[in-house]
Amino acid sequence: MALSVVVISYNAGRLAECLERLTRQPDAAEIIVSDCSDRDPAGTLASQFPRVRFLHFTEKRSVPQLRWAGVRQSTGDLVATLEARTMPAEDWCAVLSRAHAAHPDAPVVGGPVALLAPGSPHDEGLYFCEYGAFAPPIDAGPVASLSGANLSYRRQALEAARDLVDAGRWETPLHERWRAEGRPLVLSTATVLFENAMPASTAIRQRFAYGRGYAAVRVEGAGWMRRAAYAAFCPALPVLMTARLIQSLRYKKLWSRFWRALPWILVFNSAWAAGECVGYLAGESGAVENF
């Protein structure tokens, strides 16, 4: 089955390196950049990567909006997506293709997110908060959740969920629908690598915004009593989220990094919890923000 790759770009700083890695992978039958950065990256990169198609939007779009816009322009039976701020492993496309062949009933296959290089406590704290549950090594197979930074879909499954795709929704409600239908989410060993480029202030805003967006979707259509009940639980979230992270890391030999980053982990988890609280009570902000 042909594999298309959609690269989500809203800050073209590391896009060239990401494309360099992808264009060396023969299993990538098609590569599309879905971009809303300030400057169209095709102007500087199209000649360097002639087989890459560039889709540029002058207005800001969210990560899922960019993802699904690129998917609509793709043609493969399988569509893999990643953000330009992550780097695919050299065999990323091949491993995803093999995983889909091994799990023909799975609508989505994802993979782990590894640290590209050691960073500061702030950098690694953000990594653990965003991707700690998906840090390698991992046990491949059906799982309860997948990282949005490393995903691949069967086109047929996406076509059947066009209501969520066309609405520009995040991957979470899409995956929850498939799980409710009894369809497996599969984790493979296809790895992407992350290196933080955000200052601490931006990372805190990111965690707040993502927490707010998650909560707003979770209580969409709910009454005030349910919203207030969820909001009342938010002060406990930083401890609960950190405890879950510890549980997910127990066999991964990352403890020295974890303890060094723990103060930042608590800061970022507190920002997420504050965002959740606001999201339950006030809903989405209405602003499109990318980080």
Protein backbone atom coordinates (compact mmCIF):
# COMPACT_ATOMS: atom_id res chain seq x y z
CA MET A 1 0.00 0.00 0.00
CA ALA A 2 1.33 3.43 -0.94
CA LEU A 3 2.34 5.67 1.97
CA SER A 4 1.91 9.46 1.82
CA VAL A 5 3.59 11.68 4.42
CA VAL A 6 2.15 15.00 5.62
CA VAL A 7 4.59 17.31 7.41
CA ILE A 8 2.84 19.88 9.61
CA SER A 9 4.74 23.16 9.60
CA TYR A 10 3.97 26.42 11.38
CA ASN A 11 7.56 27.48 12.01
CA ALA A 12 9.88 26.46 9.19
CA GLY A 13 13.02 26.50 11.35
CA ARG A 14 13.68 22.72 11.21
CA LEU A 15 11.64 21.85 8.16
CA ALA A 16 14.64 21.35 5.86
CA GLU A 17 16.21 18.79 8.19
CA CYS A 18 12.91 16.92 8.49
CA LEU A 19 12.48 16.82 4.71
CA GLU A 20 16.08 15.70 4.22
CA ARG A 21 15.39 12.66 6.37
CA LEU A 22 12.08 11.88 4.68
CA THR A 23 13.29 12.17 1.09
CA ARG A 24 15.92 9.51 1.81
CA GLN A 25 13.19 6.98 2.68
CA PRO A 26 12.00 4.98 -0.34
CA ASP A 27 8.73 4.01 1.38
CA ALA A 28 7.60 7.66 1.30
CA ALA A 29 5.72 7.59 -2.00
CA GLU A 30 4.52 11.17 -1.56
CA ILE A 31 5.56 14.03 0.75
CA ILE A 32 3.35 17.07 1.39
CA VAL A 33 4.18 20.05 3.59
CA SER A 34 1.09 21.69 5.13
CA ASP A 35 2.30 25.06 6.34
CA CYS A 36 1.02 28.30 7.86
CA SER A 37 4.32 29.93 8.86
CA ASP A 38 4.94 33.61 8.19
CA ARG A 39 6.85 32.89 4.99
CA ASP A 40 6.01 30.22 2.39
CA PRO A 41 8.82 27.64 2.75
CA ALA A 42 8.49 26.68 -0.92
CA GLY A 43 10.38 29.85 -1.80
CA THR A 44 13.60 28.48 -0.32
CA LEU A 45 13.02 24.72 -0.21
CA ALA A 46 11.14 23.77 -3.40
CA SER A 47 14.30 23.63 -5.53
CA GLN A 48 16.14 21.62 -2.86
CA PHE A 49 13.29 19.10 -2.55
CA PRO A 50 11.65 18.87 -5.99
CA ARG A 51 9.50 15.83 -5.13
CA VAL A 52 7.90 17.59 -2.13
CA ARG A 53 4.57 19.39 -2.58
CA PHE A 54 4.10 22.57 -0.54
CA LEU A 55 0.67 23.64 0.69
CA HIS A 56 0.88 27.11 2.27
CA PHE A 57 -1.84 29.03 4.12
CA THR A 58 -1.49 32.75 4.72
CA GLU A 59 -3.80 32.64 7.76
CA LYS A 60 -2.86 30.80 10.94
CA ARG A 61 -4.25 27.29 11.26
CA SER A 62 -4.17 24.83 14.14
CA VAL A 63 -2.14 21.63 14.06
CA PRO A 64 -5.16 19.40 13.31
CA GLN A 65 -6.38 21.80 10.63
CA LEU A 66 -2.98 21.65 8.95
CA ARG A 67 -2.88 17.87 9.34
CA TRP A 68 -6.25 17.25 7.73
CA ALA A 69 -5.65 19.82 4.97
CA GLY A 70 -2.53 17.91 3.99
CA VAL A 71 -4.33 14.59 4.22
CA ARG A 72 -6.99 15.86 1.78
CA GLN A 73 -4.26 16.67 -0.75
CA SER A 74 -2.57 13.28 -0.38
CA THR A 75 -3.26 10.19 -2.48
CA GLY A 76 -1.79 7.22 -0.60
CA ASP A 77 -3.80 4.40 0.93
CA LEU A 78 -1.84 5.14 4.12
CA VAL A 79 -1.12 8.68 5.35
CA ALA A 80 1.55 9.34 7.97
CA THR A 81 1.73 12.70 9.75
CA LEU A 82 4.35 14.42 11.88
CA GLU A 83 5.29 17.95 12.87
CA ALA A 84 8.36 19.61 11.37
CA ARG A 85 9.72 20.16 14.88
CA THR A 86 10.34 16.38 15.13
CA MET A 87 12.74 14.26 13.10
CA PRO A 88 11.72 10.84 11.70
CA ALA A 89 14.05 7.91 12.24
CA GLU A 90 15.75 6.61 9.09
CA ASP A 91 13.34 3.65 8.86
CA TRP A 92 10.22 5.51 10.03
CA CYS A 93 8.17 5.07 6.85
CA ALA A 94 9.17 1.42 6.38
CA VAL A 95 8.25 0.47 9.95
CA LEU A 96 4.86 2.18 9.69
CA SER A 97 4.10 0.40 6.42
CA ARG A 98 5.02 -2.98 7.93
CA ALA A 99 2.90 -2.30 11.02
CA HIS A 100 -0.16 -1.50 8.91
CA ALA A 101 0.37 -4.72 6.93
CA ALA A 102 0.61 -6.68 10.18
CA HIS A 103 -2.56 -5.05 11.61
CA PRO A 104 -5.02 -4.73 8.71
CA ASP A 105 -7.91 -4.03 11.11
CA ALA A 106 -6.19 -1.04 12.74
CA PRO A 107 -7.31 2.39 11.45
CA VAL A 108 -4.26 4.09 12.98
CA VAL A 109 -0.67 3.15 13.80
CA GLY A 110 1.61 5.38 15.85
CA GLY A 111 5.05 5.21 17.36
CA PRO A 112 7.26 6.43 20.19
CA VAL A 113 8.80 9.87 20.57
CA ALA A 114 12.45 9.93 21.66
CA LEU A 115 14.72 12.77 22.72
CA LEU A 116 16.96 13.81 19.85
CA ALA A 117 19.67 14.93 22.27
CA PRO A 118 19.99 15.59 26.02
CA GLY A 119 18.75 19.03 27.00
CA SER A 120 18.31 21.32 29.98
CA PRO A 121 15.94 20.42 32.85
CA HIS A 122 13.35 22.71 31.24
CA ASP A 123 13.74 20.99 27.84
CA GLU A 124 13.49 17.52 29.30
CA GLY A 125 10.61 18.52 31.59
CA LEU A 126 8.60 19.56 28.55
CA TYR A 127 9.55 16.34 26.77
CA PHE A 128 8.36 14.22 29.68
CA CYS A 129 5.07 16.13 29.94
CA GLU A 130 4.33 15.92 26.22
CA TYR A 131 5.82 12.56 25.31
CA GLY A 132 6.92 10.71 28.44
CA ALA A 133 4.15 8.15 28.08
CA PHE A 134 5.51 7.37 24.60
CA ALA A 135 9.23 7.37 25.40
CA PRO A 136 11.10 4.33 24.08
CA PRO A 137 11.55 1.50 24.62
CA ILE A 138 7.94 0.51 24.05
CA ASP A 139 5.95 -2.70 23.68
CA ALA A 140 4.51 -2.72 20.17
CA GLY A 141 0.87 -3.69 19.75
CA PRO A 142 -2.64 -2.45 20.64
CA VAL A 143 -2.68 0.44 23.14
CA ALA A 144 -5.15 2.82 24.78
CA SER A 145 -3.66 6.01 23.30
CA LEU A 146 -1.13 7.31 20.80
CA SER A 147 0.98 10.45 20.58
CA GLY A 148 -0.31 13.06 18.14
CA ALA A 149 3.29 13.72 17.13
CA ASN A 150 3.68 10.36 15.40
CA LEU A 151 0.65 8.97 13.57
CA SER A 152 -0.34 7.14 10.40
CA TYR A 153 -3.85 6.42 9.16
CA ARG A 154 -5.69 4.24 6.71
CA ARG A 155 -7.38 6.55 4.26
CA GLN A 156 -10.53 4.43 4.28
CA ALA A 157 -10.88 4.94 8.04
CA LEU A 158 -10.44 8.70 7.73
CA GLU A 159 -13.05 8.87 4.97
CA ALA A 160 -15.52 7.17 7.30
CA ALA A 161 -14.81 9.83 9.95
CA ARG A 162 -15.07 12.88 7.71
CA ASP A 163 -17.28 14.72 10.19
CA LEU A 164 -14.37 14.99 12.65
CA VAL A 165 -11.75 15.52 9.95
CA ASP A 166 -13.71 18.26 8.20
CA ALA A 167 -14.34 19.98 11.54
CA GLY A 168 -10.57 20.18 12.12
CA ARG A 169 -10.72 18.19 15.35
CA TRP A 170 -7.71 16.90 17.24
CA GLU A 171 -6.90 13.22 16.95
CA THR A 172 -8.24 12.35 20.44
CA PRO A 173 -12.00 12.21 19.63
CA LEU A 174 -11.20 10.35 16.43
CA HIS A 175 -9.24 7.68 18.31
CA GLU A 176 -11.87 7.50 21.04
CA ARG A 177 -14.55 6.81 18.44
CA TRP A 178 -12.54 3.94 16.98
CA ARG A 179 -11.90 2.47 20.42
CA ALA A 180 -15.64 2.65 21.17
CA GLU A 181 -16.24 0.75 17.92
CA GLY A 182 -13.80 -1.95 19.04
CA ARG A 183 -11.11 -1.00 16.53
CA PRO A 184 -7.51 -1.18 17.77
CA LEU A 185 -5.03 1.66 18.09
CA VAL A 186 -1.61 0.16 17.38
CA LEU A 187 1.77 1.31 18.65
CA SER A 188 4.76 0.41 16.46
CA THR A 189 8.49 1.01 16.86
CA ALA A 190 8.50 3.73 14.14
CA THR A 191 10.25 6.50 16.06
CA VAL A 192 10.35 10.28 15.75
CA LEU A 193 12.86 12.38 17.66
CA PHE A 194 12.09 15.57 19.56
CA GLU A 195 14.32 18.46 20.55
CA ASN A 196 12.77 21.43 22.34
CA ALA A 197 13.18 24.89 20.82
CA MET A 198 10.62 26.73 22.99
CA PRO A 199 11.56 29.05 25.85
CA ALA A 200 9.96 28.25 29.20
CA SER A 201 7.35 31.01 28.92
CA THR A 202 6.12 29.68 25.56
CA ALA A 203 6.07 26.11 26.87
CA ILE A 204 3.92 27.17 29.82
CA ARG A 205 1.48 28.90 27.45
CA GLN A 206 1.43 25.78 25.30
CA ARG A 207 0.54 23.49 28.18
CA PHE A 208 -2.20 25.90 29.33
CA ALA A 209 -3.67 26.19 25.81
CA TYR A 210 -3.60 22.44 25.18
CA GLY A 211 -5.17 21.73 28.57
CA ARG A 212 -7.92 24.23 27.88
CA GLY A 213 -8.60 22.79 24.42
CA TYR A 214 -8.70 19.23 25.77
CA ALA A 215 -11.20 20.18 28.48
CA ALA A 216 -13.42 22.17 26.13
CA VAL A 217 -13.78 19.17 23.80
CA ARG A 218 -14.35 16.82 26.72
CA VAL A 219 -17.37 18.72 28.06
CA GLU A 220 -18.76 19.92 24.74
CA GLY A 221 -22.54 20.05 25.11
CA ALA A 222 -22.43 19.29 28.85
CA GLY A 223 -24.36 21.23 31.46
CA TRP A 224 -22.89 23.52 34.09
CA MET A 225 -23.01 20.97 36.91
CA ARG A 226 -20.84 18.52 35.03
CA ARG A 227 -18.46 21.31 33.96
CA ALA A 228 -18.15 22.55 37.54
CA ALA A 229 -17.54 19.03 38.85
CA TYR A 230 -14.67 18.50 36.42
CA ALA A 231 -13.21 21.93 37.20
CA ALA A 232 -13.31 21.21 40.94
CA PHE A 233 -11.02 18.21 40.38
CA CYS A 234 -8.35 20.22 38.53
CA PRO A 235 -6.24 21.22 41.59
CA ALA A 236 -5.37 17.52 42.00
CA LEU A 237 -4.25 17.12 38.40
CA PRO A 238 -0.55 18.12 38.70
CA VAL A 239 0.07 15.36 41.24
CA LEU A 240 -2.08 12.84 39.36
CA MET A 241 -0.43 13.59 36.01
CA THR A 242 3.04 13.31 37.53
CA ALA A 243 2.12 9.99 39.18
CA ARG A 244 0.90 8.64 35.84
CA LEU A 245 4.13 9.75 34.21
CA ILE A 246 6.16 7.92 36.86
CA GLN A 247 4.12 4.80 36.19
CA SER A 248 4.76 5.01 32.43
CA LEU A 249 8.52 5.47 32.95
CA ARG A 250 9.08 2.67 35.42
CA TYR A 251 11.01 0.39 33.00
CA LYS A 252 12.61 3.01 30.76
CA LYS A 253 15.88 3.87 32.53
CA LEU A 254 15.19 7.61 32.39
CA TRP A 255 15.13 8.26 36.12
CA SER A 256 18.16 10.54 36.35
CA ARG A 257 16.65 12.80 33.69
CA PHE A 258 13.22 12.63 35.30
CA TRP A 259 14.37 13.71 38.77
CA ARG A 260 16.46 16.51 37.30
CA ALA A 261 13.44 17.77 35.36
CA LEU A 262 10.84 17.19 38.10
CA PRO A 263 10.42 20.87 39.14
CA TRP A 264 9.68 21.81 35.53
CA ILE A 265 7.38 18.80 35.14
CA LEU A 266 5.31 20.09 38.05
CA VAL A 267 5.26 23.60 36.57
CA PHE A 268 4.09 22.34 33.17
CA ASN A 269 1.52 19.98 34.67
CA SER A 270 0.18 22.85 36.78
CA ALA A 271 -0.15 24.99 33.63
CA TRP A 272 -2.09 22.17 31.96
CA ALA A 273 -4.35 21.81 35.01
CA ALA A 274 -5.08 25.54 35.01
CA GLY A 275 -5.93 25.33 31.33
CA GLU A 276 -8.25 22.39 31.94
CA CYS A 277 -10.05 24.31 34.66
CA VAL A 278 -10.63 27.28 32.36
CA GLY A 279 -11.66 24.99 29.52
CA TYR A 280 -14.31 23.27 31.62
CA LEU A 281 -15.77 26.56 32.80
CA ALA A 282 -15.31 28.81 29.75
CA GLY A 283 -14.73 26.51 26.77
CA GLU A 284 -12.33 27.18 23.89
CA SER A 285 -10.51 30.49 23.68
CA GLY A 286 -11.40 30.90 20.00
CA ALA A 287 -7.82 31.85 19.11
CA VAL A 288 -5.63 29.67 16.90
CA GLU A 289 -2.24 29.14 18.55
CA ASN A 290 0.66 26.97 17.45
CA PHE A 291 3.77 26.31 19.49
